Amino acid sequence: MAAAGLTATANAQIQQGNWMVGSSIVASDFGLNTNGGYQIAITPRAAYFVQDNWAVGGYVNLGTNKVTKDSPTTFTYAVGALSRYYLSPNEAGVDNLLNHGRFFFEGNLGIGGQSTKGGLSTNGLDFGVGPGYSYFITPNIGVEGLLKYNGVAGFGNEGLQSRLSFNVGFAIYLPTSKGKQVANEIEREVK
């Protein structure tokens, strides 16, 4: 019964009118045209659910990346818009994996850049797309994993820099008064 209540409440958190605020904290990069490595970055994001399961918002990215002890440090920055769509359990083809989470797809588009001291630099269009999973540790807090293709295209001594990254972070889901009303109705139906 408690698992059903948590699942119902988690589903209510991704309904129209609610907010999602979160951040990726660390990432493991797999360089596609450059070396990979670990990235320490703060990537805050906020999004508003314009309809059930679909949130639109913005993001900021500030980070550093170092491949090895002797390699130069890469600085990354970006700001832009993002869109995230959460799959319903029947859409994902699984029966609500672990009853506490949701798969999602995220895409972003903005301006940004990457520069390596004494190396490659690119500034211009920042973009990314990839799947993720949010595991709800409480009805309002999710721990997230996101596998994402990221790129920067534009100006500098390298026209395109891209990488595949695995990000780990968290999200807080803030219900509005309408969202709270829907959550209460769902909980009553579950009981």
Protein backbone atom coordinates (compact mmCIF):
# COMPACT_ATOMS: atom_id res chain seq x y z
CA MET A 1 0.00 0.00 0.00
CA ALA A 2 2.84 2.41 0.85
CA ALA A 3 4.55 1.66 -2.49
CA ALA A 4 1.30 2.36 -4.35
CA GLY A 5 0.93 5.66 -2.48
CA LEU A 6 4.51 6.69 -3.30
CA THR A 7 4.02 5.75 -6.96
CA ALA A 8 0.75 7.67 -7.16
CA THR A 9 2.30 10.72 -5.53
CA ALA A 10 5.38 10.51 -7.79
CA ASN A 11 3.11 10.40 -10.82
CA ALA A 12 1.25 13.43 -9.49
CA GLN A 13 4.53 15.36 -9.22
CA ILE A 14 5.04 15.25 -12.99
CA GLN A 15 1.63 16.63 -13.84
CA GLN A 16 0.69 19.91 -15.48
CA GLY A 17 1.27 22.97 -13.32
CA ASN A 18 4.14 21.59 -11.20
CA TRP A 19 7.81 22.60 -11.16
CA MET A 20 11.01 20.55 -11.35
CA VAL A 21 14.25 22.05 -10.00
CA GLY A 22 17.50 20.10 -10.00
CA SER A 23 21.10 19.76 -11.00
CA SER A 24 23.61 17.31 -12.37
CA ILE A 25 26.65 17.31 -10.12
CA VAL A 26 29.23 14.96 -11.60
CA ALA A 27 29.66 13.41 -15.02
CA SER A 28 31.85 10.87 -16.70
CA ASP A 29 32.71 12.03 -20.23
CA PHE A 30 33.50 9.79 -23.14
CA GLY A 31 35.11 12.17 -25.66
CA LEU A 32 34.03 11.60 -29.24
CA ASN A 33 36.53 13.92 -30.92
CA THR A 34 38.59 14.67 -27.78
CA ASN A 35 39.76 12.68 -24.79
CA GLY A 36 37.23 11.62 -22.17
CA GLY A 37 37.51 11.93 -18.41
CA TYR A 38 35.64 13.02 -15.36
CA GLN A 39 33.87 16.33 -15.22
CA ILE A 40 32.94 18.29 -12.14
CA ALA A 41 30.13 20.62 -13.09
CA ILE A 42 27.18 22.39 -11.61
CA THR A 43 24.28 22.23 -14.05
CA PRO A 44 21.21 23.73 -12.42
CA ARG A 45 17.94 23.40 -14.29
CA ALA A 46 14.35 24.41 -13.69
CA ALA A 47 11.31 23.39 -15.69
CA TYR A 48 7.56 23.86 -15.58
CA PHE A 49 5.18 21.04 -16.52
CA VAL A 50 3.19 22.49 -19.41
CA GLN A 51 1.20 19.25 -19.56
CA ASP A 52 1.32 15.89 -17.80
CA ASN A 53 4.77 14.26 -18.21
CA TRP A 54 6.21 17.17 -20.25
CA ALA A 55 8.34 19.94 -18.71
CA VAL A 56 9.93 22.96 -20.41
CA GLY A 57 12.50 25.23 -18.80
CA GLY A 58 16.08 26.41 -18.75
CA TYR A 59 19.58 25.33 -17.69
CA VAL A 60 23.00 26.76 -16.88
CA ASN A 61 26.26 24.79 -17.07
CA LEU A 62 29.58 25.70 -15.47
CA GLY A 63 32.27 23.07 -15.18
CA THR A 64 35.81 21.84 -15.52
CA ASN A 65 37.12 18.63 -17.02
CA LYS A 66 40.53 17.01 -16.62
CA VAL A 67 41.53 13.78 -18.36
CA THR A 68 44.78 12.96 -16.54
CA LYS A 69 46.97 14.59 -13.92
CA ASP A 70 49.31 16.05 -16.57
CA SER A 71 46.65 17.09 -19.09
CA PRO A 72 45.31 20.64 -19.39
CA THR A 73 41.97 21.55 -17.83
CA THR A 74 38.94 22.18 -20.02
CA PHE A 75 36.40 24.83 -18.99
CA THR A 76 32.78 24.49 -20.14
CA TYR A 77 29.88 26.93 -19.93
CA ALA A 78 26.38 27.13 -21.39
CA VAL A 79 22.94 28.63 -20.90
CA GLY A 80 19.74 27.73 -22.75
CA ALA A 81 16.35 26.04 -22.92
CA LEU A 82 15.53 22.42 -22.15
CA SER A 83 12.62 20.07 -22.62
CA ARG A 84 12.00 16.84 -20.75
CA TYR A 85 9.36 14.16 -21.41
CA TYR A 86 8.64 11.45 -18.81
CA LEU A 87 7.41 8.09 -20.09
CA SER A 88 4.34 6.54 -18.54
CA PRO A 89 4.98 3.00 -17.30
CA ASN A 90 3.03 1.48 -20.21
CA GLU A 91 4.95 3.70 -22.70
CA ALA A 92 8.30 2.48 -21.37
CA GLY A 93 7.30 -1.15 -21.86
CA VAL A 94 8.01 -1.96 -18.21
CA ASP A 95 5.72 -2.24 -15.23
CA ASN A 96 6.88 0.93 -13.43
CA LEU A 97 10.45 -0.20 -12.73
CA LEU A 98 10.87 -0.59 -8.99
CA ASN A 99 7.52 1.26 -8.54
CA HIS A 100 9.42 4.43 -7.61
CA GLY A 101 10.79 5.95 -10.78
CA ARG A 102 10.28 7.15 -14.30
CA PHE A 103 12.28 7.04 -17.52
CA PHE A 104 12.56 10.34 -19.40
CA PHE A 105 14.11 11.92 -22.48
CA GLU A 106 15.81 15.30 -22.25
CA GLY A 107 16.93 17.70 -24.94
CA ASN A 108 18.56 21.11 -24.66
CA LEU A 109 19.53 23.97 -26.96
CA GLY A 110 21.39 27.15 -26.07
CA ILE A 111 24.66 29.04 -26.33
CA GLY A 112 27.88 27.83 -24.78
CA GLY A 113 31.47 26.88 -25.24
CA GLN A 114 34.40 24.69 -24.32
CA SER A 115 37.99 25.78 -24.10
CA THR A 116 41.12 23.89 -23.15
CA LYS A 117 44.16 25.81 -21.96
CA GLY A 118 46.57 25.79 -24.90
CA GLY A 119 44.23 23.54 -26.94
CA LEU A 120 40.90 23.32 -28.65
CA SER A 121 38.16 25.89 -28.14
CA THR A 122 34.65 26.17 -29.53
CA ASN A 123 31.98 28.77 -28.80
CA GLY A 124 28.48 28.88 -30.25
CA LEU A 125 25.49 26.55 -30.28
CA ASP A 126 25.25 24.22 -27.26
CA PHE A 127 23.01 21.17 -27.72
CA GLY A 128 22.33 17.79 -26.18
CA VAL A 129 19.89 14.90 -26.11
CA GLY A 130 19.56 11.66 -24.20
CA PRO A 131 17.59 9.27 -22.02
CA GLY A 132 17.54 9.22 -18.25
CA TYR A 133 15.91 7.70 -15.20
CA SER A 134 14.64 9.43 -12.08
CA TYR A 135 14.34 7.28 -8.96
CA PHE A 136 12.05 8.93 -6.38
CA ILE A 137 13.60 8.51 -2.93
CA THR A 138 10.69 10.56 -1.54
CA PRO A 139 7.54 11.75 -3.30
CA ASN A 140 9.25 15.08 -4.06
CA ILE A 141 12.95 14.17 -4.54
CA GLY A 142 14.44 12.10 -7.33
CA VAL A 143 18.00 10.85 -7.82
CA GLU A 144 18.75 10.89 -11.54
CA GLY A 145 21.06 9.25 -14.03
CA LEU A 146 21.26 10.69 -17.55
CA LEU A 147 23.17 9.33 -20.57
CA LYS A 148 23.52 12.26 -22.95
CA TYR A 149 25.12 13.25 -26.24
CA ASN A 150 26.42 16.83 -25.83
CA GLY A 151 27.92 19.11 -28.43
CA VAL A 152 29.10 22.63 -29.07
CA ALA A 153 29.23 23.88 -32.66
CA GLY A 154 30.35 27.25 -33.93
CA PHE A 155 33.47 29.35 -33.77
CA GLY A 156 36.97 28.79 -32.43
CA ASN A 157 39.83 26.61 -33.58
CA GLU A 158 37.52 23.55 -33.57
CA GLY A 159 34.15 23.80 -35.35
CA LEU A 160 32.48 20.99 -33.38
CA GLN A 161 33.27 19.40 -30.06
CA SER A 162 31.07 16.54 -28.88
CA ARG A 163 31.04 13.99 -26.12
CA LEU A 164 28.90 11.28 -24.62
CA SER A 165 28.42 11.72 -20.88
CA PHE A 166 26.82 9.94 -17.97
CA ASN A 167 25.49 12.47 -15.46
CA VAL A 168 24.38 11.91 -11.88
CA GLY A 169 22.27 14.44 -10.03
CA PHE A 170 18.99 15.11 -8.30
CA ALA A 171 15.67 16.86 -8.87
CA ILE A 172 13.09 18.32 -6.53
CA TYR A 173 9.48 18.28 -7.71
CA LEU A 174 7.43 21.19 -6.38
CA PRO A 175 3.67 20.83 -6.63
CA THR A 176 1.49 23.87 -7.12
CA SER A 177 -1.91 24.04 -5.46
CA LYS A 178 -3.42 22.27 -8.49
CA GLY A 179 -0.75 19.59 -8.27
CA LYS A 180 -1.46 19.04 -4.57
CA GLN A 181 -5.18 18.67 -5.32
CA VAL A 182 -4.47 16.03 -8.00
CA ALA A 183 -2.09 14.16 -5.66
CA ASN A 184 -4.72 14.08 -2.91
CA GLU A 185 -7.33 12.75 -5.36
CA ILE A 186 -4.96 10.00 -6.53
CA GLU A 187 -4.11 9.01 -2.95
CA ARG A 188 -7.83 8.75 -2.11
CA GLU A 189 -8.37 6.49 -5.15
CA VAL A 190 -5.45 4.25 -4.15
CA LYS A 191 -6.76 3.82 -0.61
